Amino acid sequence: MVKPMKDFIARVRFLQLVANLTKEQLWEYLVDSILQEVRMHIRRVSTDNNILNKVPPSIEMYFQTIFSPSSTVEFEKTREADAQG
């Protein structure tokens, strides 16, 4: 796992445990925190156009919905940078 994603997950877990956010507040924070590129990627690959507007049924699914696309976008950006020089 890439350090920025580890930091992101640690911050979200802190909010969940210490700040005592509701599921809805946590999901809103997650969506607002991710890069625009990641939001676009999630919408592009999802069969549900409103996926980011719906609160997932579990905290685990929050991370799954955000983490995998974030990793993909990070990988693509690194690959593009490597190809350019």
PDB file of N, CA and C in Angstrom:
ATOM      1  N   MET A   1       0.850  -1.171   0.000  1.00  0.00           N
ATOM      2  CA  MET A   1       0.000   0.000   0.000  1.00  0.00           C
ATOM      3  C   MET A   1       0.901   1.242   0.000  1.00  0.00           C
ATOM      4  N   VAL A   2       0.573   2.206  -0.815  1.00  0.00           N
ATOM      5  CA  VAL A   2       1.343   3.428  -0.955  1.00  0.00           C
ATOM      6  C   VAL A   2       1.138   4.319   0.280  1.00  0.00           C
ATOM      7  N   LYS A   3       2.207   5.016   0.686  1.00  0.00           N
ATOM      8  CA  LYS A   3       2.149   5.837   1.894  1.00  0.00           C
ATOM      9  C   LYS A   3       0.989   6.837   1.901  1.00  0.00           C
ATOM     10  N   PRO A   4       0.726   7.578   0.797  1.00  0.00           N
ATOM     11  CA  PRO A   4      -0.412   8.503   0.853  1.00  0.00           C
ATOM     12  C   PRO A   4      -1.741   7.810   1.169  1.00  0.00           C
ATOM     13  N   MET A   5      -1.925   6.595   0.656  1.00  0.00           N
ATOM     14  CA  MET A   5      -3.169   5.881   0.924  1.00  0.00           C
ATOM     15  C   MET A   5      -3.200   5.410   2.372  1.00  0.00           C
ATOM     16  N   LYS A   6      -2.059   4.966   2.896  1.00  0.00           N
ATOM     17  CA  LYS A   6      -2.008   4.580   4.310  1.00  0.00           C
ATOM     18  C   LYS A   6      -2.370   5.767   5.193  1.00  0.00           C
ATOM     19  N   ASP A   7      -1.819   6.926   4.864  1.00  0.00           N
ATOM     20  CA  ASP A   7      -2.114   8.137   5.631  1.00  0.00           C
ATOM     21  C   ASP A   7      -3.596   8.487   5.556  1.00  0.00           C
ATOM     22  N   PHE A   8      -4.147   8.340   4.361  1.00  0.00           N
ATOM     23  CA  PHE A   8      -5.568   8.640   4.155  1.00  0.00           C
ATOM     24  C   PHE A   8      -6.439   7.719   5.016  1.00  0.00           C
ATOM     25  N   ILE A   9      -6.148   6.433   4.986  1.00  0.00           N
ATOM     26  CA  ILE A   9      -6.936   5.472   5.752  1.00  0.00           C
ATOM     27  C   ILE A   9      -6.768   5.720   7.253  1.00  0.00           C
ATOM     28  N   ALA A  10      -5.560   6.046   7.684  1.00  0.00           N
ATOM     29  CA  ALA A  10      -5.332   6.337   9.099  1.00  0.00           C
ATOM     30  C   ALA A  10      -6.157   7.551   9.536  1.00  0.00           C
ATOM     31  N   ARG A  11      -6.191   8.568   8.703  1.00  0.00           N
ATOM     32  CA  ARG A  11      -6.965   9.770   9.033  1.00  0.00           C
ATOM     33  C   ARG A  11      -8.458   9.451   9.112  1.00  0.00           C
ATOM     34  N   VAL A  12      -8.930   8.632   8.180  1.00  0.00           N
ATOM     35  CA  VAL A  12     -10.349   8.265   8.169  1.00  0.00           C
ATOM     36  C   VAL A  12     -10.693   7.419   9.391  1.00  0.00           C
ATOM     37  N   ARG A  13      -9.826   6.496   9.737  1.00  0.00           N
ATOM     38  CA  ARG A  13     -10.078   5.681  10.937  1.00  0.00           C
ATOM     39  C   ARG A  13     -10.097   6.554  12.188  1.00  0.00           C
ATOM     40  N   PHE A  14      -9.219   7.540  12.235  1.00  0.00           N
ATOM     41  CA  PHE A  14      -9.217   8.478  13.365  1.00  0.00           C
ATOM     42  C   PHE A  14     -10.564   9.184  13.448  1.00  0.00           C
ATOM     43  N   LEU A  15     -11.044   9.675  12.316  1.00  0.00           N
ATOM     44  CA  LEU A  15     -12.337  10.362  12.314  1.00  0.00           C
ATOM     45  C   LEU A  15     -13.454   9.438  12.770  1.00  0.00           C
ATOM     46  N   GLN A  16     -13.389   8.208  12.311  1.00  0.00           N
ATOM     47  CA  GLN A  16     -14.418   7.243  12.659  1.00  0.00           C
ATOM     48  C   GLN A  16     -14.408   6.944  14.155  1.00  0.00           C
ATOM     49  N   LEU A  17     -13.242   6.732  14.704  1.00  0.00           N
ATOM     50  CA  LEU A  17     -13.148   6.302  16.094  1.00  0.00           C
ATOM     51  C   LEU A  17     -13.153   7.460  17.092  1.00  0.00           C
ATOM     52  N   VAL A  18     -12.379   8.487  16.826  1.00  0.00           N
ATOM     53  CA  VAL A  18     -12.211   9.562  17.798  1.00  0.00           C
ATOM     54  C   VAL A  18     -13.246  10.668  17.614  1.00  0.00           C
ATOM     55  N   ALA A  19     -13.466  11.068  16.376  1.00  0.00           N
ATOM     56  CA  ALA A  19     -14.402  12.164  16.130  1.00  0.00           C
ATOM     57  C   ALA A  19     -15.849  11.693  16.172  1.00  0.00           C
ATOM     58  N   ASN A  20     -16.041  10.373  16.157  1.00  0.00           N
ATOM     59  CA  ASN A  20     -17.370   9.786  16.273  1.00  0.00           C
ATOM     60  C   ASN A  20     -18.336  10.299  15.201  1.00  0.00           C
ATOM     61  N   LEU A  21     -17.862  10.284  13.954  1.00  0.00           N
ATOM     62  CA  LEU A  21     -18.709  10.704  12.841  1.00  0.00           C
ATOM     63  C   LEU A  21     -19.745   9.638  12.523  1.00  0.00           C
ATOM     64  N   THR A  22     -20.892  10.055  12.037  1.00  0.00           N
ATOM     65  CA  THR A  22     -21.890   9.095  11.568  1.00  0.00           C
ATOM     66  C   THR A  22     -21.387   8.490  10.264  1.00  0.00           C
ATOM     67  N   LYS A  23     -21.999   7.413   9.829  1.00  0.00           N
ATOM     68  CA  LYS A  23     -21.627   6.794   8.554  1.00  0.00           C
ATOM     69  C   LYS A  23     -21.772   7.790   7.405  1.00  0.00           C
ATOM     70  N   GLU A  24     -22.832   8.564   7.438  1.00  0.00           N
ATOM     71  CA  GLU A  24     -23.079   9.539   6.385  1.00  0.00           C
ATOM     72  C   GLU A  24     -22.007  10.622   6.368  1.00  0.00           C
ATOM     73  N   GLN A  25     -21.625  11.113   7.548  1.00  0.00           N
ATOM     74  CA  GLN A  25     -20.590  12.140   7.642  1.00  0.00           C
ATOM     75  C   GLN A  25     -19.236  11.603   7.183  1.00  0.00           C
ATOM     76  N   LEU A  26     -18.930  10.367   7.577  1.00  0.00           N
ATOM     77  CA  LEU A  26     -17.672   9.753   7.180  1.00  0.00           C
ATOM     78  C   LEU A  26     -17.614   9.573   5.666  1.00  0.00           C
ATOM     79  N   TRP A  27     -18.691   9.099   5.069  1.00  0.00           N
ATOM     80  CA  TRP A  27     -18.721   8.900   3.616  1.00  0.00           C
ATOM     81  C   TRP A  27     -18.559  10.237   2.891  1.00  0.00           C
ATOM     82  N   GLU A  28     -19.253  11.254   3.364  1.00  0.00           N
ATOM     83  CA  GLU A  28     -19.134  12.580   2.755  1.00  0.00           C
ATOM     84  C   GLU A  28     -17.687  13.076   2.836  1.00  0.00           C
ATOM     85  N   TYR A  29     -17.054  12.865   3.976  1.00  0.00           N
ATOM     86  CA  TYR A  29     -15.660  13.269   4.146  1.00  0.00           C
ATOM     87  C   TYR A  29     -14.762  12.512   3.165  1.00  0.00           C
ATOM     88  N   LEU A  30     -14.970  11.213   3.058  1.00  0.00           N
ATOM     89  CA  LEU A  30     -14.166  10.406   2.137  1.00  0.00           C
ATOM     90  C   LEU A  30     -14.285  10.905   0.705  1.00  0.00           C
ATOM     91  N   VAL A  31     -15.489  11.088   0.249  1.00  0.00           N
ATOM     92  CA  VAL A  31     -15.719  11.522  -1.124  1.00  0.00           C
ATOM     93  C   VAL A  31     -15.117  12.903  -1.362  1.00  0.00           C
ATOM     94  N   ASP A  32     -15.279  13.792  -0.411  1.00  0.00           N
ATOM     95  CA  ASP A  32     -14.718  15.135  -0.550  1.00  0.00           C
ATOM     96  C   ASP A  32     -13.193  15.139  -0.523  1.00  0.00           C
ATOM     97  N   SER A  33     -12.590  14.132   0.110  1.00  0.00           N
ATOM     98  CA  SER A  33     -11.140  14.090   0.280  1.00  0.00           C
ATOM     99  C   SER A  33     -10.381  13.497  -0.907  1.00  0.00           C
ATOM    100  N   ILE A  34     -11.041  12.720  -1.707  1.00  0.00           N
ATOM    101  CA  ILE A  34     -10.316  12.064  -2.796  1.00  0.00           C
ATOM    102  C   ILE A  34     -10.108  13.023  -3.964  1.00  0.00           C
ATOM    103  N   LEU A  35      -9.081  12.751  -4.736  1.00  0.00           N
ATOM    104  CA  LEU A  35      -8.767  13.565  -5.899  1.00  0.00           C
ATOM    105  C   LEU A  35      -9.891  13.501  -6.929  1.00  0.00           C
ATOM    106  N   GLN A  36     -10.053  14.579  -7.653  1.00  0.00           N
ATOM    107  CA  GLN A  36     -11.057  14.630  -8.723  1.00  0.00           C
ATOM    108  C   GLN A  36     -10.844  13.495  -9.716  1.00  0.00           C
ATOM    109  N   GLU A  37      -9.566  13.184 -10.017  1.00  0.00           N
ATOM    110  CA  GLU A  37      -9.260  12.092 -10.946  1.00  0.00           C
ATOM    111  C   GLU A  37      -9.820  10.768 -10.445  1.00  0.00           C
ATOM    112  N   VAL A  38      -9.735  10.559  -9.148  1.00  0.00           N
ATOM    113  CA  VAL A  38     -10.235   9.308  -8.562  1.00  0.00           C
ATOM    114  C   VAL A  38     -11.756   9.274  -8.636  1.00  0.00           C
ATOM    115  N   ARG A  39     -12.392  10.402  -8.334  1.00  0.00           N
ATOM    116  CA  ARG A  39     -13.862  10.459  -8.450  1.00  0.00           C
ATOM    117  C   ARG A  39     -14.298  10.134  -9.877  1.00  0.00           C
ATOM    118  N   MET A  40     -13.605  10.716 -10.843  1.00  0.00           N
ATOM    119  CA  MET A  40     -13.952  10.473 -12.249  1.00  0.00           C
ATOM    120  C   MET A  40     -13.758   9.004 -12.603  1.00  0.00           C
ATOM    121  N   HIS A  41     -12.663   8.409 -12.112  1.00  0.00           N
ATOM    122  CA  HIS A  41     -12.393   6.992 -12.378  1.00  0.00           C
ATOM    123  C   HIS A  41     -13.486   6.112 -11.773  1.00  0.00           C
ATOM    124  N   ILE A  42     -13.880   6.402 -10.551  1.00  0.00           N
ATOM    125  CA  ILE A  42     -14.922   5.612  -9.888  1.00  0.00           C
ATOM    126  C   ILE A  42     -16.216   5.675 -10.693  1.00  0.00           C
ATOM    127  N   ARG A  43     -16.587   6.857 -11.108  1.00  0.00           N
ATOM    128  CA  ARG A  43     -17.822   7.010 -11.887  1.00  0.00           C
ATOM    129  C   ARG A  43     -17.721   6.315 -13.239  1.00  0.00           C
ATOM    130  N   ARG A  44     -16.529   6.350 -13.839  1.00  0.00           N
ATOM    131  CA  ARG A  44     -16.333   5.746 -15.161  1.00  0.00           C
ATOM    132  C   ARG A  44     -16.440   4.214 -15.108  1.00  0.00           C
ATOM    133  N   VAL A  45     -15.898   3.592 -14.071  1.00  0.00           N
ATOM    134  CA  VAL A  45     -15.877   2.130 -14.014  1.00  0.00           C
ATOM    135  C   VAL A  45     -17.090   1.529 -13.312  1.00  0.00           C
ATOM    136  N   SER A  46     -17.861   2.345 -12.615  1.00  0.00           N
ATOM    137  CA  SER A  46     -19.013   1.831 -11.879  1.00  0.00           C
ATOM    138  C   SER A  46     -20.229   1.682 -12.788  1.00  0.00           C
ATOM    139  N   THR A  47     -21.014   0.663 -12.511  1.00  0.00           N
ATOM    140  CA  THR A  47     -22.279   0.504 -13.242  1.00  0.00           C
ATOM    141  C   THR A  47     -23.366   1.387 -12.646  1.00  0.00           C
ATOM    142  N   ASP A  48     -23.075   1.969 -11.489  1.00  0.00           N
ATOM    143  CA  ASP A  48     -24.021   2.857 -10.802  1.00  0.00           C
ATOM    144  C   ASP A  48     -23.499   4.291 -10.896  1.00  0.00           C
ATOM    145  N   ASN A  49     -24.141   5.113 -11.693  1.00  0.00           N
ATOM    146  CA  ASN A  49     -23.686   6.487 -11.904  1.00  0.00           C
ATOM    147  C   ASN A  49     -23.719   7.332 -10.639  1.00  0.00           C
ATOM    148  N   ASN A  50     -24.513   6.942  -9.670  1.00  0.00           N
ATOM    149  CA  ASN A  50     -24.629   7.702  -8.426  1.00  0.00           C
ATOM    150  C   ASN A  50     -23.897   7.056  -7.262  1.00  0.00           C
ATOM    151  N   ILE A  51     -22.910   6.236  -7.557  1.00  0.00           N
ATOM    152  CA  ILE A  51     -22.225   5.472  -6.508  1.00  0.00           C
ATOM    153  C   ILE A  51     -21.665   6.365  -5.401  1.00  0.00           C
ATOM    154  N   LEU A  52     -21.176   7.536  -5.757  1.00  0.00           N
ATOM    155  CA  LEU A  52     -20.584   8.406  -4.741  1.00  0.00           C
ATOM    156  C   LEU A  52     -21.616   9.197  -3.955  1.00  0.00           C
ATOM    157  N   ASN A  53     -22.863   9.130  -4.391  1.00  0.00           N
ATOM    158  CA  ASN A  53     -23.940   9.830  -3.681  1.00  0.00           C
ATOM    159  C   ASN A  53     -24.677   8.919  -2.703  1.00  0.00           C
ATOM    160  N   LYS A  54     -24.329   7.643  -2.698  1.00  0.00           N
ATOM    161  CA  LYS A  54     -24.995   6.668  -1.827  1.00  0.00           C
ATOM    162  C   LYS A  54     -24.027   6.186  -0.761  1.00  0.00           C
ATOM    163  N   VAL A  55     -24.451   6.196   0.458  1.00  0.00           N
ATOM    164  CA  VAL A  55     -23.614   5.713   1.556  1.00  0.00           C
ATOM    165  C   VAL A  55     -23.581   4.190   1.511  1.00  0.00           C
ATOM    166  N   PRO A  56     -22.379   3.604   1.402  1.00  0.00           N
ATOM    167  CA  PRO A  56     -22.279   2.134   1.395  1.00  0.00           C
ATOM    168  C   PRO A  56     -22.810   1.544   2.702  1.00  0.00           C
ATOM    169  N   PRO A  57     -23.206   0.278   2.680  1.00  0.00           N
ATOM    170  CA  PRO A  57     -23.814  -0.341   3.861  1.00  0.00           C
ATOM    171  C   PRO A  57     -22.854  -0.610   5.014  1.00  0.00           C
ATOM    172  N   SER A  58     -21.550  -0.588   4.758  1.00  0.00           N
ATOM    173  CA  SER A  58     -20.601  -0.864   5.839  1.00  0.00           C
ATOM    174  C   SER A  58     -19.347  -0.013   5.673  1.00  0.00           C
ATOM    175  N   ILE A  59     -18.636   0.164   6.778  1.00  0.00           N
ATOM    176  CA  ILE A  59     -17.387   0.916   6.759  1.00  0.00           C
ATOM    177  C   ILE A  59     -16.377   0.225   5.830  1.00  0.00           C
ATOM    178  N   GLU A  60     -16.363  -1.095   5.843  1.00  0.00           N
ATOM    179  CA  GLU A  60     -15.444  -1.833   4.984  1.00  0.00           C
ATOM    180  C   GLU A  60     -15.668  -1.504   3.512  1.00  0.00           C
ATOM    181  N   MET A  61     -16.917  -1.356   3.146  1.00  0.00           N
ATOM    182  CA  MET A  61     -17.222  -1.031   1.744  1.00  0.00           C
ATOM    183  C   MET A  61     -16.827   0.406   1.402  1.00  0.00           C
ATOM    184  N   TYR A  62     -16.777   1.299   2.389  1.00  0.00           N
ATOM    185  CA  TYR A  62     -16.281   2.654   2.135  1.00  0.00           C
ATOM    186  C   TYR A  62     -14.864   2.559   1.595  1.00  0.00           C
ATOM    187  N   PHE A  63     -14.040   1.801   2.346  1.00  0.00           N
ATOM    188  CA  PHE A  63     -12.639   1.682   1.971  1.00  0.00           C
ATOM    189  C   PHE A  63     -12.482   0.979   0.626  1.00  0.00           C
ATOM    190  N   GLN A  64     -13.267  -0.054   0.403  1.00  0.00           N
ATOM    191  CA  GLN A  64     -13.195  -0.785  -0.861  1.00  0.00           C
ATOM    192  C   GLN A  64     -13.564   0.111  -2.042  1.00  0.00           C
ATOM    193  N   THR A  65     -14.606   0.897  -1.889  1.00  0.00           N
ATOM    194  CA  THR A  65     -15.069   1.765  -2.969  1.00  0.00           C
ATOM    195  C   THR A  65     -14.034   2.831  -3.294  1.00  0.00           C
ATOM    196  N   ILE A  66     -13.330   3.318  -2.295  1.00  0.00           N
ATOM    197  CA  ILE A  66     -12.356   4.388  -2.479  1.00  0.00           C
ATOM    198  C   ILE A  66     -10.954   3.852  -2.754  1.00  0.00           C
ATOM    199  N   PHE A  67     -10.519   2.827  -2.037  1.00  0.00           N
ATOM    200  CA  PHE A  67      -9.123   2.389  -2.089  1.00  0.00           C
ATOM    201  C   PHE A  67      -8.716   1.821  -3.444  1.00  0.00           C
ATOM    202  N   SER A  68      -9.466   0.898  -3.979  1.00  0.00           N
ATOM    203  CA  SER A  68      -9.076   0.258  -5.237  1.00  0.00           C
ATOM    204  C   SER A  68      -8.949   1.265  -6.383  1.00  0.00           C
ATOM    205  N   PRO A  69      -9.937   2.123  -6.600  1.00  0.00           N
ATOM    206  CA  PRO A  69      -9.786   3.127  -7.661  1.00  0.00           C
ATOM    207  C   PRO A  69      -8.635   4.091  -7.391  1.00  0.00           C
ATOM    208  N   SER A  70      -8.404   4.445  -6.143  1.00  0.00           N
ATOM    209  CA  SER A  70      -7.295   5.344  -5.807  1.00  0.00           C
ATOM    210  C   SER A  70      -5.964   4.709  -6.169  1.00  0.00           C
ATOM    211  N   SER A  71      -5.834   3.427  -5.869  1.00  0.00           N
ATOM    212  CA  SER A  71      -4.602   2.703  -6.206  1.00  0.00           C
ATOM    213  C   SER A  71      -4.408   2.637  -7.712  1.00  0.00           C
ATOM    214  N   THR A  72      -5.485   2.408  -8.436  1.00  0.00           N
ATOM    215  CA  THR A  72      -5.410   2.343  -9.897  1.00  0.00           C
ATOM    216  C   THR A  72      -4.961   3.673 -10.472  1.00  0.00           C
ATOM    217  N   VAL A  73      -5.546   4.748 -10.001  1.00  0.00           N
ATOM    218  CA  VAL A  73      -5.180   6.077 -10.492  1.00  0.00           C
ATOM    219  C   VAL A  73      -3.728   6.392 -10.144  1.00  0.00           C
ATOM    220  N   GLU A  74      -3.304   6.075  -8.922  1.00  0.00           N
ATOM    221  CA  GLU A  74      -1.911   6.296  -8.528  1.00  0.00           C
ATOM    222  C   GLU A  74      -0.964   5.517  -9.436  1.00  0.00           C
ATOM    223  N   PHE A  75      -1.299   4.256  -9.731  1.00  0.00           N
ATOM    224  CA  PHE A  75      -0.465   3.422 -10.593  1.00  0.00           C
ATOM    225  C   PHE A  75      -0.383   4.019 -11.992  1.00  0.00           C
ATOM    226  N   GLU A  76      -1.514   4.447 -12.546  1.00  0.00           N
ATOM    227  CA  GLU A  76      -1.529   5.025 -13.888  1.00  0.00           C
ATOM    228  C   GLU A  76      -0.693   6.298 -13.953  1.00  0.00           C
ATOM    229  N   LYS A  77      -0.777   7.138 -12.930  1.00  0.00           N
ATOM    230  CA  LYS A  77       0.009   8.371 -12.903  1.00  0.00           C
ATOM    231  C   LYS A  77       1.501   8.055 -12.845  1.00  0.00           C
ATOM    232  N   THR A  78       1.892   7.072 -12.037  1.00  0.00           N
ATOM    233  CA  THR A  78       3.300   6.672 -11.938  1.00  0.00           C
ATOM    234  C   THR A  78       3.794   6.107 -13.258  1.00  0.00           C
ATOM    235  N   ARG A  79       2.985   5.290 -13.897  1.00  0.00           N
ATOM    236  CA  ARG A  79       3.359   4.684 -15.180  1.00  0.00           C
ATOM    237  C   ARG A  79       3.529   5.768 -16.242  1.00  0.00           C
ATOM    238  N   GLU A  80       2.633   6.749 -16.272  1.00  0.00           N
ATOM    239  CA  GLU A  80       2.738   7.853 -17.235  1.00  0.00           C
ATOM    240  C   GLU A  80       4.002   8.673 -16.987  1.00  0.00           C
ATOM    241  N   ALA A  81       4.291   8.949 -15.722  1.00  0.00           N
ATOM    242  CA  ALA A  81       5.492   9.719 -15.385  1.00  0.00           C
ATOM    243  C   ALA A  81       6.746   8.962 -15.792  1.00  0.00           C
ATOM    244  N   ASP A  82       6.775   7.640 -15.558  1.00  0.00           N
ATOM    245  CA  ASP A  82       7.915   6.833 -15.947  1.00  0.00           C
ATOM    246  C   ASP A  82       8.095   6.819 -17.465  1.00  0.00           C
ATOM    247  N   ALA A  83       6.999   6.775 -18.192  1.00  0.00           N
ATOM    248  CA  ALA A  83       7.061   6.737 -19.650  1.00  0.00           C
ATOM    249  C   ALA A  83       7.570   8.057 -20.236  1.00  0.00           C
ATOM    250  N   GLN A  84       7.300   9.141 -19.519  1.00  0.00           N
ATOM    251  CA  GLN A  84       7.722  10.466 -19.998  1.00  0.00           C
ATOM    252  C   GLN A  84       9.180  10.775 -19.691  1.00  0.00           C
ATOM    253  N   GLY A  85       9.774  10.039 -18.821  1.00  0.00           N
ATOM    254  CA  GLY A  85      11.163  10.358 -18.590  1.00  0.00           C
ATOM    255  C   GLY A  85      11.679   9.861 -17.348  1.00  0.00           C
TER     256      GLY A  85
END
